[in-house]
Structures are given as C-alpha cells and as structure tokens.
Amino acid sequence: MQVGCGVYLHTVRRQAYLYFWHYETKGRSRVQVKEYIGPARSARSISEAARRCEGYYERAMAELQRLRAASLATIRGSS
C-alpha cells in the first residue's frame, strides 16, 4: 500500500501556483495524481490545500483501521 499526499509549487512566468498530489488506485497499481489548486498566495488556495490533505489522511487512517481489524479478526479466528 502506498500512502501519501502533499502540496507543491509550480512556477509559470514568475507566478507561483499550488498543486495537490496524492496516490490513487488505478487498476492494480497505485499512481500519483496531481491536481491544480490555484494561485499560491491565495488564501482560498491555501485553505483548499489544507482541506484536501486533511481529508486524504482521514480516509487513509480509516482504511488502515479497517485493514487492521480485518487482519486481527482473521488471526484470532484461525486459532
């Protein structure tokens, strides 16, 4: 499982733009997806980037907890 997300700046003609990256499952592989957020100095862009990171990690934690519970149930059920 590949988990991760973040933001990065991309400069075009001396203007900085904010992008959000994260991993998604496509078919049988994990791929990095990059999404445009907006101008880097925009309060809206900064807020949106933080919201997306928070949401990504909340979903990742929920998935890890689900996998953990399933694995432990399998282990305990096999004895």
PDB file of N, CA and C in Angstrom:
ATOM      1  N   MET A   1       0.844  -1.163   0.000  1.00  0.00           N
ATOM      2  CA  MET A   1       0.000   0.000   0.000  1.00  0.00           C
ATOM      3  C   MET A   1       0.894   1.233   0.000  1.00  0.00           C
ATOM      4  N   GLN A   2       0.582   2.174  -0.836  1.00  0.00           N
ATOM      5  CA  GLN A   2       1.344   3.418  -0.908  1.00  0.00           C
ATOM      6  C   GLN A   2       0.427   4.539  -0.442  1.00  0.00           C
ATOM      7  N   VAL A   3       0.822   5.220   0.623  1.00  0.00           N
ATOM      8  CA  VAL A   3       0.008   6.283   1.194  1.00  0.00           C
ATOM      9  C   VAL A   3       0.822   7.557   1.179  1.00  0.00           C
ATOM     10  N   GLY A   4       0.194   8.656   0.827  1.00  0.00           N
ATOM     11  CA  GLY A   4       0.881   9.934   0.880  1.00  0.00           C
ATOM     12  C   GLY A   4       0.156  10.990   0.097  1.00  0.00           C
ATOM     13  N   CYS A   5       0.383  12.213   0.519  1.00  0.00           N
ATOM     14  CA  CYS A   5      -0.141  13.364  -0.197  1.00  0.00           C
ATOM     15  C   CYS A   5       0.677  14.576   0.204  1.00  0.00           C
ATOM     16  N   GLY A   6       0.493  15.657  -0.505  1.00  0.00           N
ATOM     17  CA  GLY A   6       1.195  16.888  -0.182  1.00  0.00           C
ATOM     18  C   GLY A   6       0.868  17.969  -1.194  1.00  0.00           C
ATOM     19  N   VAL A   7       1.565  19.054  -1.070  1.00  0.00           N
ATOM     20  CA  VAL A   7       1.386  20.162  -1.997  1.00  0.00           C
ATOM     21  C   VAL A   7       2.751  20.578  -2.533  1.00  0.00           C
ATOM     22  N   TYR A   8       2.754  21.177  -3.688  1.00  0.00           N
ATOM     23  CA  TYR A   8       3.991  21.711  -4.230  1.00  0.00           C
ATOM     24  C   TYR A   8       3.677  22.953  -5.053  1.00  0.00           C
ATOM     25  N   LEU A   9       4.700  23.765  -5.241  1.00  0.00           N
ATOM     26  CA  LEU A   9       4.580  24.984  -6.040  1.00  0.00           C
ATOM     27  C   LEU A   9       5.111  24.733  -7.435  1.00  0.00           C
ATOM     28  N   HIS A  10       4.418  25.269  -8.403  1.00  0.00           N
ATOM     29  CA  HIS A  10       4.869  25.213  -9.789  1.00  0.00           C
ATOM     30  C   HIS A  10       4.869  26.655 -10.288  1.00  0.00           C
ATOM     31  N   THR A  11       6.011  27.109 -10.767  1.00  0.00           N
ATOM     32  CA  THR A  11       6.133  28.496 -11.214  1.00  0.00           C
ATOM     33  C   THR A  11       6.045  28.569 -12.730  1.00  0.00           C
ATOM     34  N   VAL A  12       5.168  29.457 -13.193  1.00  0.00           N
ATOM     35  CA  VAL A  12       4.992  29.718 -14.614  1.00  0.00           C
ATOM     36  C   VAL A  12       5.051  31.228 -14.795  1.00  0.00           C
ATOM     37  N   ARG A  13       6.017  31.684 -15.601  1.00  0.00           N
ATOM     38  CA  ARG A  13       6.198  33.117 -15.863  1.00  0.00           C
ATOM     39  C   ARG A  13       6.246  33.933 -14.569  1.00  0.00           C
ATOM     40  N   ARG A  14       7.039  33.458 -13.647  1.00  0.00           N
ATOM     41  CA  ARG A  14       7.276  34.105 -12.349  1.00  0.00           C
ATOM     42  C   ARG A  14       6.035  34.167 -11.452  1.00  0.00           C
ATOM     43  N   GLN A  15       5.020  33.403 -11.765  1.00  0.00           N
ATOM     44  CA  GLN A  15       3.831  33.296 -10.912  1.00  0.00           C
ATOM     45  C   GLN A  15       3.795  31.882 -10.318  1.00  0.00           C
ATOM     46  N   ALA A  16       3.622  31.808  -9.004  1.00  0.00           N
ATOM     47  CA  ALA A  16       3.605  30.514  -8.321  1.00  0.00           C
ATOM     48  C   ALA A  16       2.175  29.990  -8.195  1.00  0.00           C
ATOM     49  N   TYR A  17       2.012  28.722  -8.516  1.00  0.00           N
ATOM     50  CA  TYR A  17       0.713  28.065  -8.429  1.00  0.00           C
ATOM     51  C   TYR A  17       0.836  26.848  -7.530  1.00  0.00           C
ATOM     52  N   LEU A  18      -0.237  26.570  -6.811  1.00  0.00           N
ATOM     53  CA  LEU A  18      -0.253  25.493  -5.832  1.00  0.00           C
ATOM     54  C   LEU A  18      -0.934  24.265  -6.430  1.00  0.00           C
ATOM     55  N   TYR A  19      -0.293  23.099  -6.240  1.00  0.00           N
ATOM     56  CA  TYR A  19      -0.843  21.824  -6.689  1.00  0.00           C
ATOM     57  C   TYR A  19      -0.896  20.868  -5.511  1.00  0.00           C
ATOM     58  N   PHE A  20      -1.889  20.014  -5.516  1.00  0.00           N
ATOM     59  CA  PHE A  20      -2.061  18.974  -4.508  1.00  0.00           C
ATOM     60  C   PHE A  20      -1.765  17.641  -5.179  1.00  0.00           C
ATOM     61  N   TRP A  21      -0.932  16.810  -4.553  1.00  0.00           N
ATOM     62  CA  TRP A  21      -0.664  15.477  -5.095  1.00  0.00           C
ATOM     63  C   TRP A  21      -1.077  14.427  -4.071  1.00  0.00           C
ATOM     64  N   HIS A  22      -1.482  13.272  -4.578  1.00  0.00           N
ATOM     65  CA  HIS A  22      -1.851  12.152  -3.720  1.00  0.00           C
ATOM     66  C   HIS A  22      -1.799  10.876  -4.549  1.00  0.00           C
ATOM     67  N   TYR A  23      -1.874   9.753  -3.861  1.00  0.00           N
ATOM     68  CA  TYR A  23      -1.871   8.464  -4.532  1.00  0.00           C
ATOM     69  C   TYR A  23      -3.299   7.936  -4.644  1.00  0.00           C
ATOM     70  N   GLU A  24      -3.583   7.305  -5.783  1.00  0.00           N
ATOM     71  CA  GLU A  24      -4.868   6.657  -6.030  1.00  0.00           C
ATOM     72  C   GLU A  24      -4.608   5.284  -6.629  1.00  0.00           C
ATOM     73  N   THR A  25      -5.584   4.408  -6.470  1.00  0.00           N
ATOM     74  CA  THR A  25      -5.503   3.099  -7.104  1.00  0.00           C
ATOM     75  C   THR A  25      -6.123   3.193  -8.487  1.00  0.00           C
ATOM     76  N   LYS A  26      -5.364   2.804  -9.488  1.00  0.00           N
ATOM     77  CA  LYS A  26      -5.844   2.747 -10.873  1.00  0.00           C
ATOM     78  C   LYS A  26      -5.595   1.331 -11.355  1.00  0.00           C
ATOM     79  N   GLY A  27      -6.672   0.569 -11.497  1.00  0.00           N
ATOM     80  CA  GLY A  27      -6.498  -0.832 -11.860  1.00  0.00           C
ATOM     81  C   GLY A  27      -5.829  -1.577 -10.722  1.00  0.00           C
ATOM     82  N   ARG A  28      -4.684  -2.161 -11.026  1.00  0.00           N
ATOM     83  CA  ARG A  28      -3.937  -2.901  -9.999  1.00  0.00           C
ATOM     84  C   ARG A  28      -2.743  -2.123  -9.461  1.00  0.00           C
ATOM     85  N   SER A  29      -2.575  -0.875  -9.864  1.00  0.00           N
ATOM     86  CA  SER A  29      -1.412  -0.117  -9.399  1.00  0.00           C
ATOM     87  C   SER A  29      -1.812   1.160  -8.669  1.00  0.00           C
ATOM     88  N   ARG A  30      -0.840   1.686  -7.946  1.00  0.00           N
ATOM     89  CA  ARG A  30      -1.005   2.969  -7.266  1.00  0.00           C
ATOM     90  C   ARG A  30      -0.290   4.002  -8.128  1.00  0.00           C
ATOM     91  N   VAL A  31      -0.972   5.099  -8.399  1.00  0.00           N
ATOM     92  CA  VAL A  31      -0.377   6.157  -9.215  1.00  0.00           C
ATOM     93  C   VAL A  31      -0.468   7.481  -8.467  1.00  0.00           C
ATOM     94  N   GLN A  32       0.477   8.342  -8.750  1.00  0.00           N
ATOM     95  CA  GLN A  32       0.456   9.668  -8.157  1.00  0.00           C
ATOM     96  C   GLN A  32      -0.393  10.573  -9.041  1.00  0.00           C
ATOM     97  N   VAL A  33      -1.345  11.262  -8.417  1.00  0.00           N
ATOM     98  CA  VAL A  33      -2.241  12.174  -9.123  1.00  0.00           C
ATOM     99  C   VAL A  33      -1.921  13.587  -8.659  1.00  0.00           C
ATOM    100  N   LYS A  34      -1.826  14.518  -9.608  1.00  0.00           N
ATOM    101  CA  LYS A  34      -1.539  15.918  -9.293  1.00  0.00           C
ATOM    102  C   LYS A  34      -2.733  16.756  -9.730  1.00  0.00           C
ATOM    103  N   GLU A  35      -3.217  17.615  -8.820  1.00  0.00           N
ATOM    104  CA  GLU A  35      -4.383  18.438  -9.094  1.00  0.00           C
ATOM    105  C   GLU A  35      -4.065  19.906  -8.839  1.00  0.00           C
ATOM    106  N   TYR A  36      -4.460  20.743  -9.772  1.00  0.00           N
ATOM    107  CA  TYR A  36      -4.268  22.186  -9.634  1.00  0.00           C
ATOM    108  C   TYR A  36      -5.204  22.718  -8.555  1.00  0.00           C
ATOM    109  N   ILE A  37      -4.661  23.560  -7.668  1.00  0.00           N
ATOM    110  CA  ILE A  37      -5.468  24.186  -6.618  1.00  0.00           C
ATOM    111  C   ILE A  37      -5.744  25.648  -6.953  1.00  0.00           C
ATOM    112  N   GLY A  38      -4.694  26.414  -7.262  1.00  0.00           N
ATOM    113  CA  GLY A  38      -4.874  27.831  -7.572  1.00  0.00           C
ATOM    114  C   GLY A  38      -3.597  28.606  -7.310  1.00  0.00           C
ATOM    115  N   PRO A  39      -3.684  29.929  -7.390  1.00  0.00           N
ATOM    116  CA  PRO A  39      -2.507  30.770  -7.123  1.00  0.00           C
ATOM    117  C   PRO A  39      -1.975  30.505  -5.709  1.00  0.00           C
ATOM    118  N   ALA A  40      -0.668  30.404  -5.584  1.00  0.00           N
ATOM    119  CA  ALA A  40      -0.042  30.033  -4.308  1.00  0.00           C
ATOM    120  C   ALA A  40      -0.289  31.047  -3.200  1.00  0.00           C
ATOM    121  N   ARG A  41      -0.453  32.297  -3.531  1.00  0.00           N
ATOM    122  CA  ARG A  41      -0.641  33.331  -2.499  1.00  0.00           C
ATOM    123  C   ARG A  41      -2.101  33.528  -2.101  1.00  0.00           C
ATOM    124  N   SER A  42      -2.989  32.824  -2.733  1.00  0.00           N
ATOM    125  CA  SER A  42      -4.420  32.966  -2.452  1.00  0.00           C
ATOM    126  C   SER A  42      -4.788  32.247  -1.155  1.00  0.00           C
ATOM    127  N   ALA A  43      -5.497  32.940  -0.287  1.00  0.00           N
ATOM    128  CA  ALA A  43      -5.959  32.330   0.964  1.00  0.00           C
ATOM    129  C   ALA A  43      -6.883  31.151   0.666  1.00  0.00           C
ATOM    130  N   ARG A  44      -7.683  31.258  -0.378  1.00  0.00           N
ATOM    131  CA  ARG A  44      -8.584  30.172  -0.763  1.00  0.00           C
ATOM    132  C   ARG A  44      -7.790  28.936  -1.171  1.00  0.00           C
ATOM    133  N   SER A  45      -6.719  29.140  -1.934  1.00  0.00           N
ATOM    134  CA  SER A  45      -5.888  28.010  -2.379  1.00  0.00           C
ATOM    135  C   SER A  45      -5.215  27.319  -1.199  1.00  0.00           C
ATOM    136  N   ILE A  46      -4.699  28.097  -0.286  1.00  0.00           N
ATOM    137  CA  ILE A  46      -4.028  27.544   0.892  1.00  0.00           C
ATOM    138  C   ILE A  46      -5.022  26.754   1.742  1.00  0.00           C
ATOM    139  N   SER A  47      -6.196  27.321   1.941  1.00  0.00           N
ATOM    140  CA  SER A  47      -7.239  26.643   2.713  1.00  0.00           C
ATOM    141  C   SER A  47      -7.676  25.347   2.030  1.00  0.00           C
ATOM    142  N   GLU A  48      -7.848  25.388   0.721  1.00  0.00           N
ATOM    143  CA  GLU A  48      -8.257  24.204  -0.039  1.00  0.00           C
ATOM    144  C   GLU A  48      -7.199  23.103   0.024  1.00  0.00           C
ATOM    145  N   ALA A  49      -5.931  23.480  -0.080  1.00  0.00           N
ATOM    146  CA  ALA A  49      -4.846  22.503   0.000  1.00  0.00           C
ATOM    147  C   ALA A  49      -4.837  21.824   1.370  1.00  0.00           C
ATOM    148  N   ALA A  50      -5.008  22.600   2.434  1.00  0.00           N
ATOM    149  CA  ALA A  50      -5.049  22.034   3.785  1.00  0.00           C
ATOM    150  C   ALA A  50      -6.251  21.114   3.944  1.00  0.00           C
ATOM    151  N   ARG A  51      -7.400  21.507   3.409  1.00  0.00           N
ATOM    152  CA  ARG A  51      -8.614  20.696   3.488  1.00  0.00           C
ATOM    153  C   ARG A  51      -8.426  19.361   2.769  1.00  0.00           C
ATOM    154  N   ARG A  52      -7.799  19.394   1.593  1.00  0.00           N
ATOM    155  CA  ARG A  52      -7.580  18.155   0.833  1.00  0.00           C
ATOM    156  C   ARG A  52      -6.600  17.221   1.544  1.00  0.00           C
ATOM    157  N   CYS A  53      -5.522  17.777   2.111  1.00  0.00           N
ATOM    158  CA  CYS A  53      -4.566  16.944   2.853  1.00  0.00           C
ATOM    159  C   CYS A  53      -5.247  16.298   4.061  1.00  0.00           C
ATOM    160  N   GLU A  54      -5.998  17.087   4.800  1.00  0.00           N
ATOM    161  CA  GLU A  54      -6.692  16.563   5.980  1.00  0.00           C
ATOM    162  C   GLU A  54      -7.666  15.450   5.580  1.00  0.00           C
ATOM    163  N   GLY A  55      -8.425  15.670   4.536  1.00  0.00           N
ATOM    164  CA  GLY A  55      -9.370  14.655   4.073  1.00  0.00           C
ATOM    165  C   GLY A  55      -8.681  13.387   3.622  1.00  0.00           C
ATOM    166  N   TYR A  56      -7.568  13.538   2.918  1.00  0.00           N
ATOM    167  CA  TYR A  56      -6.827  12.366   2.433  1.00  0.00           C
ATOM    168  C   TYR A  56      -6.349  11.517   3.606  1.00  0.00           C
ATOM    169  N   TYR A  57      -5.747  12.161   4.603  1.00  0.00           N
ATOM    170  CA  TYR A  57      -5.213  11.401   5.729  1.00  0.00           C
ATOM    171  C   TYR A  57      -6.317  10.811   6.601  1.00  0.00           C
ATOM    172  N   GLU A  58      -7.459  11.468   6.694  1.00  0.00           N
ATOM    173  CA  GLU A  58      -8.584  10.878   7.433  1.00  0.00           C
ATOM    174  C   GLU A  58      -9.060   9.597   6.745  1.00  0.00           C
ATOM    175  N   ARG A  59      -9.182   9.636   5.422  1.00  0.00           N
ATOM    176  CA  ARG A  59      -9.594   8.436   4.678  1.00  0.00           C
ATOM    177  C   ARG A  59      -8.541   7.333   4.784  1.00  0.00           C
ATOM    178  N   ALA A  60      -7.264   7.712   4.723  1.00  0.00           N
ATOM    179  CA  ALA A  60      -6.187   6.723   4.828  1.00  0.00           C
ATOM    180  C   ALA A  60      -6.193   6.066   6.209  1.00  0.00           C
ATOM    181  N   MET A  61      -6.394   6.849   7.261  1.00  0.00           N
ATOM    182  CA  MET A  61      -6.431   6.286   8.616  1.00  0.00           C
ATOM    183  C   MET A  61      -7.619   5.341   8.780  1.00  0.00           C
ATOM    184  N   ALA A  62      -8.766   5.709   8.226  1.00  0.00           N
ATOM    185  CA  ALA A  62      -9.943   4.848   8.323  1.00  0.00           C
ATOM    186  C   ALA A  62      -9.698   3.533   7.590  1.00  0.00           C
ATOM    187  N   GLU A  63      -9.068   3.596   6.436  1.00  0.00           N
ATOM    188  CA  GLU A  63      -8.767   2.382   5.670  1.00  0.00           C
ATOM    189  C   GLU A  63      -7.767   1.504   6.421  1.00  0.00           C
ATOM    190  N   LEU A  64      -6.750   2.100   7.016  1.00  0.00           N
ATOM    191  CA  LEU A  64      -5.773   1.322   7.794  1.00  0.00           C
ATOM    192  C   LEU A  64      -6.432   0.666   9.002  1.00  0.00           C
ATOM    193  N   GLN A  65      -7.329   1.376   9.660  1.00  0.00           N
ATOM    194  CA  GLN A  65      -8.033   0.787  10.805  1.00  0.00           C
ATOM    195  C   GLN A  65      -8.901  -0.384  10.363  1.00  0.00           C
ATOM    196  N   ARG A  66      -9.558  -0.251   9.204  1.00  0.00           N
ATOM    197  CA  ARG A  66     -10.380  -1.330   8.669  1.00  0.00           C
ATOM    198  C   ARG A  66      -9.517  -2.555   8.354  1.00  0.00           C
ATOM    199  N   LEU A  67      -8.368  -2.338   7.694  1.00  0.00           N
ATOM    200  CA  LEU A  67      -7.465  -3.437   7.359  1.00  0.00           C
ATOM    201  C   LEU A  67      -6.905  -4.109   8.612  1.00  0.00           C
ATOM    202  N   ARG A  68      -6.561  -3.307   9.605  1.00  0.00           N
ATOM    203  CA  ARG A  68      -6.047  -3.843  10.864  1.00  0.00           C
ATOM    204  C   ARG A  68      -7.082  -4.730  11.532  1.00  0.00           C
ATOM    205  N   ALA A  69      -8.312  -4.235  11.627  1.00  0.00           N
ATOM    206  CA  ALA A  69      -9.380  -5.010  12.263  1.00  0.00           C
ATOM    207  C   ALA A  69      -9.627  -6.312  11.514  1.00  0.00           C
ATOM    208  N   ALA A  70      -9.636  -6.262  10.193  1.00  0.00           N
ATOM    209  CA  ALA A  70      -9.855  -7.473   9.397  1.00  0.00           C
ATOM    210  C   ALA A  70      -8.717  -8.472   9.596  1.00  0.00           C
ATOM    211  N   SER A  71      -7.488  -7.992   9.620  1.00  0.00           N
ATOM    212  CA  SER A  71      -6.331  -8.883   9.809  1.00  0.00           C
ATOM    213  C   SER A  71      -6.363  -9.536  11.186  1.00  0.00           C
ATOM    214  N   LEU A  72      -6.641  -8.747  12.208  1.00  0.00           N
ATOM    215  CA  LEU A  72      -6.691  -9.292  13.566  1.00  0.00           C
ATOM    216  C   LEU A  72      -7.830 -10.284  13.713  1.00  0.00           C
ATOM    217  N   ALA A  73      -8.973 -10.015  13.091  1.00  0.00           N
ATOM    218  CA  ALA A  73     -10.089 -10.948  13.145  1.00  0.00           C
ATOM    219  C   ALA A  73      -9.722 -12.273  12.485  1.00  0.00           C
ATOM    220  N   THR A  74      -9.004 -12.204  11.367  1.00  0.00           N
ATOM    221  CA  THR A  74      -8.569 -13.421  10.673  1.00  0.00           C
ATOM    222  C   THR A  74      -7.598 -14.213  11.550  1.00  0.00           C
ATOM    223  N   ILE A  75      -6.653 -13.520  12.165  1.00  0.00           N
ATOM    224  CA  ILE A  75      -5.664 -14.187  13.027  1.00  0.00           C
ATOM    225  C   ILE A  75      -6.356 -14.848  14.211  1.00  0.00           C
ATOM    226  N   ARG A  76      -7.247 -14.111  14.856  1.00  0.00           N
ATOM    227  CA  ARG A  76      -7.923 -14.654  16.040  1.00  0.00           C
ATOM    228  C   ARG A  76      -8.889 -15.780  15.671  1.00  0.00           C
ATOM    229  N   GLY A  77      -9.464 -15.700  14.479  1.00  0.00           N
ATOM    230  CA  GLY A  77     -10.394 -16.731  14.036  1.00  0.00           C
ATOM    231  C   GLY A  77      -9.735 -18.020  13.624  1.00  0.00           C
ATOM    232  N   SER A  78      -8.445 -17.976  13.337  1.00  0.00           N
ATOM    233  CA  SER A  78      -7.729 -19.165  12.873  1.00  0.00           C
ATOM    234  C   SER A  78      -7.224 -20.039  14.012  1.00  0.00           C
ATOM    235  N   SER A  79      -7.348 -19.565  15.246  1.00  0.00           N
ATOM    236  CA  SER A  79      -6.812 -20.368  16.360  1.00  0.00           C
ATOM    237  C   SER A  79      -7.855 -21.256  16.982  1.00  0.00           C
TER     238      SER A  79
END
